Amino acid sequence: MDVCKNNQYFINRINKSQSGRRLDQALVCLFPSYSRSQIKKMILSGNVKLNKKIVFTPDKKVFFKEQVEIHVANVDSKLLQAQNIALNIIFEDPYLMVINKPCNLVVHPGAGNPSGTILNALLYYFPDISEVPRSGIVHRLDKDTTGLMVIAKRNSVRNKLIELFKSRNIKREYEAIVFGILSIDGTIDQPISRHLIKRTCMMVHRMGKFAVTNYRVVENFRFHTRLRLYPNTGRTHQIRVHMSYINHPLVGDQKYGRMCSSIRNASDSLNRCLLNFNRQALHAISLQFHHPITHNALKFETSLPRDFEELIYELKNDRDVKGK
């Protein structure tokens, strides 16, 4: 991937499962960060090449091993609104910052969220970041996932951070509460692609992108397990999809799990807590990498948010009282 100040170029090849399909359908599967409507607009605008030639027809048939390239113009941060939204900054120097993202905060403006995002907050806190593509955002957390994110304050630093993520030299750790009992540590090695029907969802699919998640059992409760997770790759919704795939979805994950409902024989207070826990129980608790400029080893950790701690308290109380 070549990255420049205002544009990004993504190159891929048609795989066997996409061979014979429409160009726009194939691109949605190959580039799951973009919706079909976005892909169609790119094609009609002349921003897609097939075998190094611009193509303007979304329904053009594509075939195995053909090369496709999409050209994405980054949102010009200067056109976005700076908003005075509080940022919980864990670390900052002239090159980058690490923030602790709260629940219910979108990272980047998009459909349905034109403002009120972390990007808008960054523009207010550090106006010069508008000169950096995507205002320095190099990775994302879902709206309702909490925890640590690293932000680049300079374009050169952003490029270096992207390479660190690409080479898997940024280590991320997550805490999660899942349904069911897991007794031993494990690894989930299953490819992930965009869902074939539900286009806002992802799924495990044999023709998807390589994805690996390691997990360690921290604590067992009567009906749930507390995990520490270590994703080796950074696919969209990776942890949520992988845990659902092994039939241990995250508590509160309405997209890949189940609605929180009463559990038979659980304490009343635990059931109330589960019913009121209206997000996925996932927290990015640790980030570890070498500084892209100073090369110093950096490790950041953050405590669990209040709702997560309350859930753990109720799970422990249920186990200690009801489990006797």
C-alpha atoms as a PDB file:
ATOM      1  CA  MET A   1       0.000   0.000   0.000  1.00  0.00           C
ATOM      2  CA  ASP A   2       1.378   3.383  -1.009  1.00  0.00           C
ATOM      3  CA  VAL A   3       0.341   6.212   1.307  1.00  0.00           C
ATOM      4  CA  CYS A   4       0.622   9.915   0.526  1.00  0.00           C
ATOM      5  CA  LYS A   5      -0.769  13.018   2.157  1.00  0.00           C
ATOM      6  CA  ASN A   6      -4.214  13.149   0.616  1.00  0.00           C
ATOM      7  CA  ASN A   7      -4.642   9.755  -1.001  1.00  0.00           C
ATOM      8  CA  GLN A   8      -4.364   6.036  -0.412  1.00  0.00           C
ATOM      9  CA  TYR A   9      -3.883   3.280  -2.956  1.00  0.00           C
ATOM     10  CA  PHE A  10      -4.985  -0.267  -2.167  1.00  0.00           C
ATOM     11  CA  ILE A  11      -4.031  -3.115  -4.494  1.00  0.00           C
ATOM     12  CA  ASN A  12      -5.335  -6.681  -4.429  1.00  0.00           C
ATOM     13  CA  ARG A  13      -6.044  -9.606  -6.749  1.00  0.00           C
ATOM     14  CA  ILE A  14      -9.294 -11.373  -7.507  1.00  0.00           C
ATOM     15  CA  ASN A  15      -9.427 -14.681  -5.652  1.00  0.00           C
ATOM     16  CA  LYS A  16     -11.190 -17.852  -6.727  1.00  0.00           C
ATOM     17  CA  SER A  17     -14.343 -17.147  -4.734  1.00  0.00           C
ATOM     18  CA  GLN A  18     -14.793 -13.748  -6.445  1.00  0.00           C
ATOM     19  CA  SER A  19     -13.976 -14.920  -9.968  1.00  0.00           C
ATOM     20  CA  GLY A  20     -16.899 -14.383 -12.341  1.00  0.00           C
ATOM     21  CA  ARG A  21     -18.649 -11.882 -10.064  1.00  0.00           C
ATOM     22  CA  ARG A  22     -19.422  -8.210 -10.657  1.00  0.00           C
ATOM     23  CA  LEU A  23     -16.553  -5.826 -10.008  1.00  0.00           C
ATOM     24  CA  ASP A  24     -18.394  -3.957  -7.241  1.00  0.00           C
ATOM     25  CA  GLN A  25     -19.362  -7.205  -5.490  1.00  0.00           C
ATOM     26  CA  ALA A  26     -15.807  -8.507  -5.620  1.00  0.00           C
ATOM     27  CA  LEU A  27     -14.327  -5.249  -4.324  1.00  0.00           C
ATOM     28  CA  VAL A  28     -16.645  -5.192  -1.300  1.00  0.00           C
ATOM     29  CA  CYS A  29     -15.269  -8.595  -0.290  1.00  0.00           C
ATOM     30  CA  LEU A  30     -11.645  -7.712  -1.044  1.00  0.00           C
ATOM     31  CA  PHE A  31     -11.802  -4.287   0.653  1.00  0.00           C
ATOM     32  CA  PRO A  32     -14.248  -4.798   3.567  1.00  0.00           C
ATOM     33  CA  SER A  33     -13.543  -1.356   5.040  1.00  0.00           C
ATOM     34  CA  TYR A  34     -15.798   0.121   2.338  1.00  0.00           C
ATOM     35  CA  SER A  35     -19.503  -0.415   1.690  1.00  0.00           C
ATOM     36  CA  ARG A  36     -20.903  -1.382  -1.689  1.00  0.00           C
ATOM     37  CA  SER A  37     -22.266   2.122  -2.242  1.00  0.00           C
ATOM     38  CA  GLN A  38     -18.812   3.596  -1.513  1.00  0.00           C
ATOM     39  CA  ILE A  39     -17.188   1.120  -3.896  1.00  0.00           C
ATOM     40  CA  LYS A  40     -19.717   1.942  -6.627  1.00  0.00           C
ATOM     41  CA  LYS A  41     -19.000   5.666  -6.254  1.00  0.00           C
ATOM     42  CA  MET A  42     -15.271   5.001  -6.550  1.00  0.00           C
ATOM     43  CA  ILE A  43     -15.807   3.028  -9.769  1.00  0.00           C
ATOM     44  CA  LEU A  44     -18.093   5.639 -11.332  1.00  0.00           C
ATOM     45  CA  SER A  45     -15.620   8.373 -10.353  1.00  0.00           C
ATOM     46  CA  GLY A  46     -12.759   6.630 -12.142  1.00  0.00           C
ATOM     47  CA  ASN A  47     -10.944   5.701  -8.935  1.00  0.00           C
ATOM     48  CA  VAL A  48     -10.740   1.973  -9.660  1.00  0.00           C
ATOM     49  CA  LYS A  49      -8.324   0.227 -11.983  1.00  0.00           C
ATOM     50  CA  LEU A  50      -8.570  -3.309 -13.314  1.00  0.00           C
ATOM     51  CA  ASN A  51      -5.283  -4.675 -14.626  1.00  0.00           C
ATOM     52  CA  LYS A  52      -3.877  -1.109 -14.405  1.00  0.00           C
ATOM     53  CA  LYS A  53      -6.669   0.375 -16.571  1.00  0.00           C
ATOM     54  CA  ILE A  54      -9.430   2.619 -15.231  1.00  0.00           C
ATOM     55  CA  VAL A  55     -12.845   0.960 -15.366  1.00  0.00           C
ATOM     56  CA  PHE A  56     -16.169   2.774 -14.956  1.00  0.00           C
ATOM     57  CA  THR A  57     -18.644  -0.146 -14.993  1.00  0.00           C
ATOM     58  CA  PRO A  58     -19.619  -1.601 -11.587  1.00  0.00           C
ATOM     59  CA  ASP A  59     -21.190  -4.698 -13.188  1.00  0.00           C
ATOM     60  CA  LYS A  60     -18.094  -5.655 -15.189  1.00  0.00           C
ATOM     61  CA  LYS A  61     -17.181  -9.311 -14.658  1.00  0.00           C
ATOM     62  CA  VAL A  62     -13.817  -9.996 -13.023  1.00  0.00           C
ATOM     63  CA  PHE A  63     -11.771 -13.167 -13.019  1.00  0.00           C
ATOM     64  CA  PHE A  64      -9.211 -15.052 -10.923  1.00  0.00           C
ATOM     65  CA  LYS A  65      -5.823 -13.330 -10.408  1.00  0.00           C
ATOM     66  CA  GLU A  66      -6.861 -10.078 -12.126  1.00  0.00           C
ATOM     67  CA  GLN A  67      -5.312  -7.086 -10.353  1.00  0.00           C
ATOM     68  CA  VAL A  68      -7.604  -4.444  -8.893  1.00  0.00           C
ATOM     69  CA  GLU A  69      -6.591  -1.081  -7.456  1.00  0.00           C
ATOM     70  CA  ILE A  70      -8.743   1.440  -5.635  1.00  0.00           C
ATOM     71  CA  HIS A  71      -7.729   5.043  -5.136  1.00  0.00           C
ATOM     72  CA  VAL A  72      -9.222   6.579  -2.009  1.00  0.00           C
ATOM     73  CA  ALA A  73      -9.141  10.291  -1.392  1.00  0.00           C
ATOM     74  CA  ASN A  74      -8.795  10.867   2.334  1.00  0.00           C
ATOM     75  CA  VAL A  75     -11.268  13.137   4.052  1.00  0.00           C
ATOM     76  CA  ASP A  76      -9.688  16.582   4.254  1.00  0.00           C
ATOM     77  CA  SER A  77      -9.470  17.183   7.988  1.00  0.00           C
ATOM     78  CA  LYS A  78      -9.478  20.943   7.358  1.00  0.00           C
ATOM     79  CA  LEU A  79     -13.096  20.664   6.216  1.00  0.00           C
ATOM     80  CA  LEU A  80     -14.198  18.900   9.379  1.00  0.00           C
ATOM     81  CA  GLN A  81     -15.393  20.678  12.489  1.00  0.00           C
ATOM     82  CA  ALA A  82     -13.149  20.981  15.536  1.00  0.00           C
ATOM     83  CA  GLN A  83     -15.194  20.186  18.638  1.00  0.00           C
ATOM     84  CA  ASN A  84     -14.400  20.593  22.304  1.00  0.00           C
ATOM     85  CA  ILE A  85     -14.788  16.942  23.271  1.00  0.00           C
ATOM     86  CA  ALA A  86     -12.790  15.712  26.249  1.00  0.00           C
ATOM     87  CA  LEU A  87      -9.879  13.395  25.509  1.00  0.00           C
ATOM     88  CA  ASN A  88      -8.350  11.166  28.166  1.00  0.00           C
ATOM     89  CA  ILE A  89      -4.685  11.474  27.151  1.00  0.00           C
ATOM     90  CA  ILE A  90      -2.444   8.822  28.713  1.00  0.00           C
ATOM     91  CA  PHE A  91       0.782   9.904  27.007  1.00  0.00           C
ATOM     92  CA  GLU A  92       1.878  12.693  24.688  1.00  0.00           C
ATOM     93  CA  ASP A  93       5.096  13.942  23.120  1.00  0.00           C
ATOM     94  CA  PRO A  94       5.797  16.023  19.962  1.00  0.00           C
ATOM     95  CA  TYR A  95       5.264  12.966  17.754  1.00  0.00           C
ATOM     96  CA  LEU A  96       2.317  10.960  19.036  1.00  0.00           C
ATOM     97  CA  MET A  97      -0.256  10.560  21.769  1.00  0.00           C
ATOM     98  CA  VAL A  98      -2.006   7.636  23.413  1.00  0.00           C
ATOM     99  CA  ILE A  99      -5.613   8.096  24.498  1.00  0.00           C
ATOM    100  CA  ASN A 100      -8.074   6.049  26.530  1.00  0.00           C
ATOM    101  CA  LYS A 101     -11.304   5.901  24.496  1.00  0.00           C
ATOM    102  CA  PRO A 102     -14.596   5.825  26.418  1.00  0.00           C
ATOM    103  CA  CYS A 103     -17.702   3.892  25.448  1.00  0.00           C
ATOM    104  CA  ASN A 104     -20.215   5.349  22.981  1.00  0.00           C
ATOM    105  CA  LEU A 105     -17.665   7.466  21.108  1.00  0.00           C
ATOM    106  CA  VAL A 106     -17.061   6.960  17.383  1.00  0.00           C
ATOM    107  CA  VAL A 107     -13.464   7.263  16.194  1.00  0.00           C
ATOM    108  CA  HIS A 108     -13.924   8.764  12.696  1.00  0.00           C
ATOM    109  CA  PRO A 109     -16.807  10.663  11.014  1.00  0.00           C
ATOM    110  CA  GLY A 110     -18.903   8.552   8.695  1.00  0.00           C
ATOM    111  CA  ALA A 111     -22.450   7.711   7.705  1.00  0.00           C
ATOM    112  CA  GLY A 112     -24.700   8.511  10.649  1.00  0.00           C
ATOM    113  CA  ASN A 113     -21.846  10.110  12.592  1.00  0.00           C
ATOM    114  CA  PRO A 114     -20.779  13.305  10.791  1.00  0.00           C
ATOM    115  CA  SER A 115     -19.432  14.850  14.005  1.00  0.00           C
ATOM    116  CA  GLY A 116     -18.908  14.204  17.696  1.00  0.00           C
ATOM    117  CA  THR A 117     -16.019  11.826  17.054  1.00  0.00           C
ATOM    118  CA  ILE A 118     -12.474  11.418  18.302  1.00  0.00           C
ATOM    119  CA  LEU A 119     -11.250  13.009  15.068  1.00  0.00           C
ATOM    120  CA  ASN A 120     -13.299  16.147  15.793  1.00  0.00           C
ATOM    121  CA  ALA A 121     -11.852  16.218  19.301  1.00  0.00           C
ATOM    122  CA  LEU A 122      -8.297  15.903  17.971  1.00  0.00           C
ATOM    123  CA  LEU A 123      -8.805  18.873  15.639  1.00  0.00           C
ATOM    124  CA  TYR A 124      -9.835  21.015  18.609  1.00  0.00           C
ATOM    125  CA  TYR A 125      -7.076  19.849  20.943  1.00  0.00           C
ATOM    126  CA  PHE A 126      -4.249  19.997  18.375  1.00  0.00           C
ATOM    127  CA  PRO A 127      -5.265  22.012  15.257  1.00  0.00           C
ATOM    128  CA  ASP A 128      -2.021  21.213  13.398  1.00  0.00           C
ATOM    129  CA  ILE A 129      -3.111  17.586  13.226  1.00  0.00           C
ATOM    130  CA  SER A 130      -5.365  18.598  10.331  1.00  0.00           C
ATOM    131  CA  GLU A 131      -2.217  18.390   8.175  1.00  0.00           C
ATOM    132  CA  VAL A 132      -1.974  14.656   8.914  1.00  0.00           C
ATOM    133  CA  PRO A 133      -4.220  12.250   6.938  1.00  0.00           C
ATOM    134  CA  ARG A 134      -7.219  11.164   9.015  1.00  0.00           C
ATOM    135  CA  SER A 135      -5.913  13.497  11.712  1.00  0.00           C
ATOM    136  CA  GLY A 136      -3.342  10.926  12.748  1.00  0.00           C
ATOM    137  CA  ILE A 137      -5.743   8.051  13.328  1.00  0.00           C
ATOM    138  CA  VAL A 138      -3.998   4.804  12.369  1.00  0.00           C
ATOM    139  CA  HIS A 139      -6.309   2.223  13.953  1.00  0.00           C
ATOM    140  CA  ARG A 140      -9.807   2.143  15.360  1.00  0.00           C
ATOM    141  CA  LEU A 141     -11.886   0.751  18.166  1.00  0.00           C
ATOM    142  CA  ASP A 142     -15.577   0.057  17.717  1.00  0.00           C
ATOM    143  CA  LYS A 143     -17.957   2.681  19.058  1.00  0.00           C
ATOM    144  CA  ASP A 144     -18.735   0.697  22.208  1.00  0.00           C
ATOM    145  CA  THR A 145     -15.275  -0.780  22.761  1.00  0.00           C
ATOM    146  CA  THR A 146     -13.216   1.115  25.310  1.00  0.00           C
ATOM    147  CA  GLY A 147      -9.473   1.449  25.811  1.00  0.00           C
ATOM    148  CA  LEU A 148      -6.158   2.526  24.365  1.00  0.00           C
ATOM    149  CA  MET A 149      -5.475   4.029  20.953  1.00  0.00           C
ATOM    150  CA  VAL A 150      -2.290   5.575  19.543  1.00  0.00           C
ATOM    151  CA  ILE A 151      -2.545   8.774  17.456  1.00  0.00           C
ATOM    152  CA  ALA A 152       0.171  10.209  15.169  1.00  0.00           C
ATOM    153  CA  LYS A 153       0.803  13.961  15.366  1.00  0.00           C
ATOM    154  CA  ARG A 154       2.961  14.084  12.241  1.00  0.00           C
ATOM    155  CA  ASN A 155       2.568  12.499   8.821  1.00  0.00           C
ATOM    156  CA  SER A 156       5.981  10.805   8.934  1.00  0.00           C
ATOM    157  CA  VAL A 157       5.089   9.275  12.297  1.00  0.00           C
ATOM    158  CA  ARG A 158       1.743   8.095  10.964  1.00  0.00           C
ATOM    159  CA  ASN A 159       3.450   6.233   8.135  1.00  0.00           C
ATOM    160  CA  LYS A 160       5.856   4.591  10.571  1.00  0.00           C
ATOM    161  CA  LEU A 161       3.014   3.546  12.886  1.00  0.00           C
ATOM    162  CA  ILE A 162       1.123   2.059   9.944  1.00  0.00           C
ATOM    163  CA  GLU A 163       4.198  -0.018   9.138  1.00  0.00           C
ATOM    164  CA  LEU A 164       4.482  -1.131  12.778  1.00  0.00           C
ATOM    165  CA  PHE A 165       0.879  -2.320  12.689  1.00  0.00           C
ATOM    166  CA  LYS A 166       1.410  -3.985   9.319  1.00  0.00           C
ATOM    167  CA  SER A 167       4.495  -5.846  10.563  1.00  0.00           C
ATOM    168  CA  ARG A 168       2.664  -6.759  13.801  1.00  0.00           C
ATOM    169  CA  ASN A 169       5.167  -4.909  15.959  1.00  0.00           C
ATOM    170  CA  ILE A 170       2.480  -3.169  17.985  1.00  0.00           C
ATOM    171  CA  LYS A 171       1.246  -5.557  20.645  1.00  0.00           C
ATOM    172  CA  ARG A 172      -2.335  -5.093  21.801  1.00  0.00           C
ATOM    173  CA  GLU A 173      -4.080  -6.753  24.710  1.00  0.00           C
ATOM    174  CA  TYR A 174      -7.799  -6.782  25.449  1.00  0.00           C
ATOM    175  CA  GLU A 175      -9.951  -7.791  28.385  1.00  0.00           C
ATOM    176  CA  ALA A 176     -13.299  -9.439  27.708  1.00  0.00           C
ATOM    177  CA  ILE A 177     -16.146 -11.240  29.408  1.00  0.00           C
ATOM    178  CA  VAL A 178     -17.665 -14.028  27.320  1.00  0.00           C
ATOM    179  CA  PHE A 179     -20.587 -16.391  27.708  1.00  0.00           C
ATOM    180  CA  GLY A 180     -19.789 -19.946  28.714  1.00  0.00           C
ATOM    181  CA  ILE A 181     -16.864 -21.621  30.450  1.00  0.00           C
ATOM    182  CA  LEU A 182     -13.412 -21.778  28.846  1.00  0.00           C
ATOM    183  CA  SER A 183     -11.023 -23.829  30.961  1.00  0.00           C
ATOM    184  CA  ILE A 184      -7.784 -23.636  28.953  1.00  0.00           C
ATOM    185  CA  ASP A 185      -5.945 -21.025  26.895  1.00  0.00           C
ATOM    186  CA  GLY A 186      -6.249 -21.207  23.127  1.00  0.00           C
ATOM    187  CA  THR A 187      -5.789 -19.770  19.644  1.00  0.00           C
ATOM    188  CA  ILE A 188      -8.411 -19.041  17.009  1.00  0.00           C
ATOM    189  CA  ASP A 189      -6.922 -19.201  13.513  1.00  0.00           C
ATOM    190  CA  GLN A 190      -9.809 -18.520  11.154  1.00  0.00           C
ATOM    191  CA  PRO A 191     -10.009 -16.146   8.138  1.00  0.00           C
ATOM    192  CA  ILE A 192     -12.469 -13.260   8.270  1.00  0.00           C
ATOM    193  CA  SER A 193     -14.420 -11.615   5.451  1.00  0.00           C
ATOM    194  CA  ARG A 194     -17.411  -9.322   5.141  1.00  0.00           C
ATOM    195  CA  HIS A 195     -20.679 -11.125   5.767  1.00  0.00           C
ATOM    196  CA  LEU A 196     -22.251 -12.365   2.545  1.00  0.00           C
ATOM    197  CA  ILE A 197     -25.712 -11.031   3.472  1.00  0.00           C
ATOM    198  CA  LYS A 198     -25.354  -8.639   6.432  1.00  0.00           C
ATOM    199  CA  ARG A 199     -23.004  -6.103   4.887  1.00  0.00           C
ATOM    200  CA  THR A 200     -22.283  -4.250   8.152  1.00  0.00           C
ATOM    201  CA  CYS A 201     -21.096  -7.502   9.746  1.00  0.00           C
ATOM    202  CA  MET A 202     -18.048  -9.691   9.347  1.00  0.00           C
ATOM    203  CA  MET A 203     -17.862 -13.475   9.396  1.00  0.00           C
ATOM    204  CA  VAL A 204     -15.464 -16.405   9.418  1.00  0.00           C
ATOM    205  CA  HIS A 205     -15.117 -17.566   5.818  1.00  0.00           C
ATOM    206  CA  ARG A 206     -12.530 -19.807   4.180  1.00  0.00           C
ATOM    207  CA  MET A 207     -11.847 -17.191   1.488  1.00  0.00           C
ATOM    208  CA  GLY A 208     -11.468 -14.350   3.987  1.00  0.00           C
ATOM    209  CA  LYS A 209      -8.326 -12.621   5.192  1.00  0.00           C
ATOM    210  CA  PHE A 210      -5.889 -14.361   7.524  1.00  0.00           C
ATOM    211  CA  ALA A 211      -6.806 -13.663  11.154  1.00  0.00           C
ATOM    212  CA  VAL A 212      -5.435 -15.040  14.433  1.00  0.00           C
ATOM    213  CA  THR A 213      -6.534 -14.336  17.991  1.00  0.00           C
ATOM    214  CA  ASN A 214      -4.830 -15.816  21.065  1.00  0.00           C
ATOM    215  CA  TYR A 215      -6.617 -15.867  24.394  1.00  0.00           C
ATOM    216  CA  ARG A 216      -5.769 -16.638  28.008  1.00  0.00           C
ATOM    217  CA  VAL A 217      -8.256 -17.580  30.694  1.00  0.00           C
ATOM    218  CA  VAL A 218      -8.074 -15.087  33.575  1.00  0.00           C
ATOM    219  CA  GLU A 219     -11.020 -16.169  35.697  1.00  0.00           C
ATOM    220  CA  ASN A 220     -14.026 -18.474  35.567  1.00  0.00           C
ATOM    221  CA  PHE A 221     -17.449 -17.621  36.906  1.00  0.00           C
ATOM    222  CA  ARG A 222     -20.543 -19.801  37.019  1.00  0.00           C
ATOM    223  CA  PHE A 223     -21.798 -18.951  33.548  1.00  0.00           C
ATOM    224  CA  HIS A 224     -19.066 -16.746  32.071  1.00  0.00           C
ATOM    225  CA  THR A 225     -15.311 -16.478  31.565  1.00  0.00           C
ATOM    226  CA  ARG A 226     -12.990 -13.503  31.868  1.00  0.00           C
ATOM    227  CA  LEU A 227     -10.328 -13.502  29.138  1.00  0.00           C
ATOM    228  CA  ARG A 228      -7.185 -11.659  28.137  1.00  0.00           C
ATOM    229  CA  LEU A 229      -6.973 -11.582  24.332  1.00  0.00           C
ATOM    230  CA  TYR A 230      -3.995 -10.981  22.042  1.00  0.00           C
ATOM    231  CA  PRO A 231      -4.961 -10.403  18.378  1.00  0.00           C
ATOM    232  CA  ASN A 232      -2.072 -11.101  16.009  1.00  0.00           C
ATOM    233  CA  THR A 233      -3.929  -9.400  13.159  1.00  0.00           C
ATOM    234  CA  GLY A 234      -6.246  -6.408  13.007  1.00  0.00           C
ATOM    235  CA  ARG A 235      -9.326  -7.422  11.032  1.00  0.00           C
ATOM    236  CA  THR A 236     -12.566  -5.534  11.482  1.00  0.00           C
ATOM    237  CA  HIS A 237     -14.489  -6.856  14.533  1.00  0.00           C
ATOM    238  CA  GLN A 238     -11.892  -9.634  14.783  1.00  0.00           C
ATOM    239  CA  ILE A 239     -12.202 -10.524  18.474  1.00  0.00           C
ATOM    240  CA  ARG A 240     -15.995 -10.319  18.402  1.00  0.00           C
ATOM    241  CA  VAL A 241     -16.249 -12.525  15.303  1.00  0.00           C
ATOM    242  CA  HIS A 242     -13.731 -15.085  16.542  1.00  0.00           C
ATOM    243  CA  MET A 243     -15.305 -15.469  19.977  1.00  0.00           C
ATOM    244  CA  SER A 244     -18.748 -15.838  18.428  1.00  0.00           C
ATOM    245  CA  TYR A 245     -17.336 -18.460  16.041  1.00  0.00           C
ATOM    246  CA  ILE A 246     -16.254 -20.709  18.945  1.00  0.00           C
ATOM    247  CA  ASN A 247     -19.663 -20.196  20.604  1.00  0.00           C
ATOM    248  CA  HIS A 248     -18.382 -17.912  23.364  1.00  0.00           C
ATOM    249  CA  PRO A 249     -19.666 -14.482  22.260  1.00  0.00           C
ATOM    250  CA  LEU A 250     -18.892 -11.362  24.252  1.00  0.00           C
ATOM    251  CA  VAL A 251     -21.370 -10.282  26.880  1.00  0.00           C
ATOM    252  CA  GLY A 252     -23.484  -7.446  25.466  1.00  0.00           C
ATOM    253  CA  ASP A 253     -22.495  -8.021  21.835  1.00  0.00           C
ATOM    254  CA  GLN A 254     -25.820  -7.678  20.038  1.00  0.00           C
ATOM    255  CA  LYS A 255     -24.244  -7.937  16.577  1.00  0.00           C
ATOM    256  CA  TYR A 256     -22.368 -11.214  17.029  1.00  0.00           C
ATOM    257  CA  GLY A 257     -23.772 -12.580  20.266  1.00  0.00           C
ATOM    258  CA  ARG A 258     -27.084 -12.579  21.986  1.00  0.00           C
ATOM    259  CA  MET A 259     -29.302 -10.168  23.797  1.00  0.00           C
ATOM    260  CA  CYS A 260     -28.511 -10.149  27.516  1.00  0.00           C
ATOM    261  CA  SER A 261     -31.392 -11.921  29.215  1.00  0.00           C
ATOM    262  CA  SER A 262     -31.967 -13.425  32.607  1.00  0.00           C
ATOM    263  CA  ILE A 263     -29.927 -16.500  33.470  1.00  0.00           C
ATOM    264  CA  ARG A 264     -31.721 -19.209  35.364  1.00  0.00           C
ATOM    265  CA  ASN A 265     -30.350 -19.685  38.891  1.00  0.00           C
ATOM    266  CA  ALA A 266     -28.174 -16.561  38.661  1.00  0.00           C
ATOM    267  CA  SER A 267     -28.463 -13.909  41.370  1.00  0.00           C
ATOM    268  CA  ASP A 268     -30.990 -11.135  40.859  1.00  0.00           C
ATOM    269  CA  SER A 269     -28.261  -8.496  40.989  1.00  0.00           C
ATOM    270  CA  LEU A 270     -26.219 -10.276  38.295  1.00  0.00           C
ATOM    271  CA  ASN A 271     -29.253 -10.551  36.051  1.00  0.00           C
ATOM    272  CA  ARG A 272     -29.977  -6.836  36.507  1.00  0.00           C
ATOM    273  CA  CYS A 273     -26.369  -6.046  35.647  1.00  0.00           C
ATOM    274  CA  LEU A 274     -26.475  -8.197  32.515  1.00  0.00           C
ATOM    275  CA  LEU A 275     -29.740  -6.640  31.372  1.00  0.00           C
ATOM    276  CA  ASN A 276     -28.287  -3.139  31.808  1.00  0.00           C
ATOM    277  CA  PHE A 277     -24.932  -3.928  30.172  1.00  0.00           C
ATOM    278  CA  ASN A 278     -25.719  -2.499  26.741  1.00  0.00           C
ATOM    279  CA  ARG A 279     -22.388  -2.839  24.953  1.00  0.00           C
ATOM    280  CA  GLN A 280     -19.851  -5.551  24.174  1.00  0.00           C
ATOM    281  CA  ALA A 281     -17.674  -6.339  27.201  1.00  0.00           C
ATOM    282  CA  LEU A 282     -14.389  -5.550  25.461  1.00  0.00           C
ATOM    283  CA  HIS A 283     -11.630  -3.210  26.631  1.00  0.00           C
ATOM    284  CA  ALA A 284      -8.255  -2.467  24.982  1.00  0.00           C
ATOM    285  CA  ILE A 285      -6.225  -2.623  28.163  1.00  0.00           C
ATOM    286  CA  SER A 286      -2.611  -2.539  26.933  1.00  0.00           C
ATOM    287  CA  LEU A 287      -0.478  -1.192  24.054  1.00  0.00           C
ATOM    288  CA  GLN A 288       3.203  -2.004  23.602  1.00  0.00           C
ATOM    289  CA  PHE A 289       5.563  -0.845  20.845  1.00  0.00           C
ATOM    290  CA  HIS A 290       8.850   0.908  20.142  1.00  0.00           C
ATOM    291  CA  HIS A 291       8.565   4.645  19.596  1.00  0.00           C
ATOM    292  CA  PRO A 292       8.855   5.252  15.813  1.00  0.00           C
ATOM    293  CA  ILE A 293      11.248   8.204  16.313  1.00  0.00           C
ATOM    294  CA  THR A 294      13.140   7.698  19.594  1.00  0.00           C
ATOM    295  CA  HIS A 295      12.920   3.875  19.392  1.00  0.00           C
ATOM    296  CA  ASN A 296      12.322   3.715  23.139  1.00  0.00           C
ATOM    297  CA  ALA A 297      10.264   0.744  24.318  1.00  0.00           C
ATOM    298  CA  LEU A 298       6.802   1.960  25.337  1.00  0.00           C
ATOM    299  CA  LYS A 299       4.095   0.107  27.220  1.00  0.00           C
ATOM    300  CA  PHE A 300       0.787   1.614  28.273  1.00  0.00           C
ATOM    301  CA  GLU A 301      -1.891   0.082  30.453  1.00  0.00           C
ATOM    302  CA  THR A 302      -5.229   1.375  31.621  1.00  0.00           C
ATOM    303  CA  SER A 303      -7.704   0.260  34.246  1.00  0.00           C
ATOM    304  CA  LEU A 304     -11.061  -1.264  33.389  1.00  0.00           C
ATOM    305  CA  PRO A 305     -13.990   1.155  32.983  1.00  0.00           C
ATOM    306  CA  ARG A 306     -16.570   1.346  35.739  1.00  0.00           C
ATOM    307  CA  ASP A 307     -19.292  -0.679  33.991  1.00  0.00           C
ATOM    308  CA  PHE A 308     -16.781  -3.472  33.298  1.00  0.00           C
ATOM    309  CA  GLU A 309     -15.659  -3.532  36.933  1.00  0.00           C
ATOM    310  CA  GLU A 310     -19.272  -3.623  38.138  1.00  0.00           C
ATOM    311  CA  LEU A 311     -19.970  -6.573  35.853  1.00  0.00           C
ATOM    312  CA  ILE A 312     -16.963  -8.465  37.240  1.00  0.00           C
ATOM    313  CA  TYR A 313     -18.054  -7.662  40.799  1.00  0.00           C
ATOM    314  CA  GLU A 314     -21.509  -9.123  40.183  1.00  0.00           C
ATOM    315  CA  LEU A 315     -20.060 -12.201  38.464  1.00  0.00           C
ATOM    316  CA  LYS A 316     -17.755 -12.842  41.423  1.00  0.00           C
ATOM    317  CA  ASN A 317     -20.536 -12.270  43.933  1.00  0.00           C
ATOM    318  CA  ASP A 318     -22.826 -14.668  42.071  1.00  0.00           C
ATOM    319  CA  ARG A 319     -20.095 -17.310  41.999  1.00  0.00           C
ATOM    320  CA  ASP A 320     -19.129 -16.925  45.656  1.00  0.00           C
ATOM    321  CA  VAL A 321     -22.693 -16.875  47.010  1.00  0.00           C
ATOM    322  CA  LYS A 322     -24.707 -19.039  44.623  1.00  0.00           C
ATOM    323  CA  GLY A 323     -21.860 -21.415  43.820  1.00  0.00           C
ATOM    324  CA  LYS A 324     -21.537 -22.698  47.371  1.00  0.00           C
END
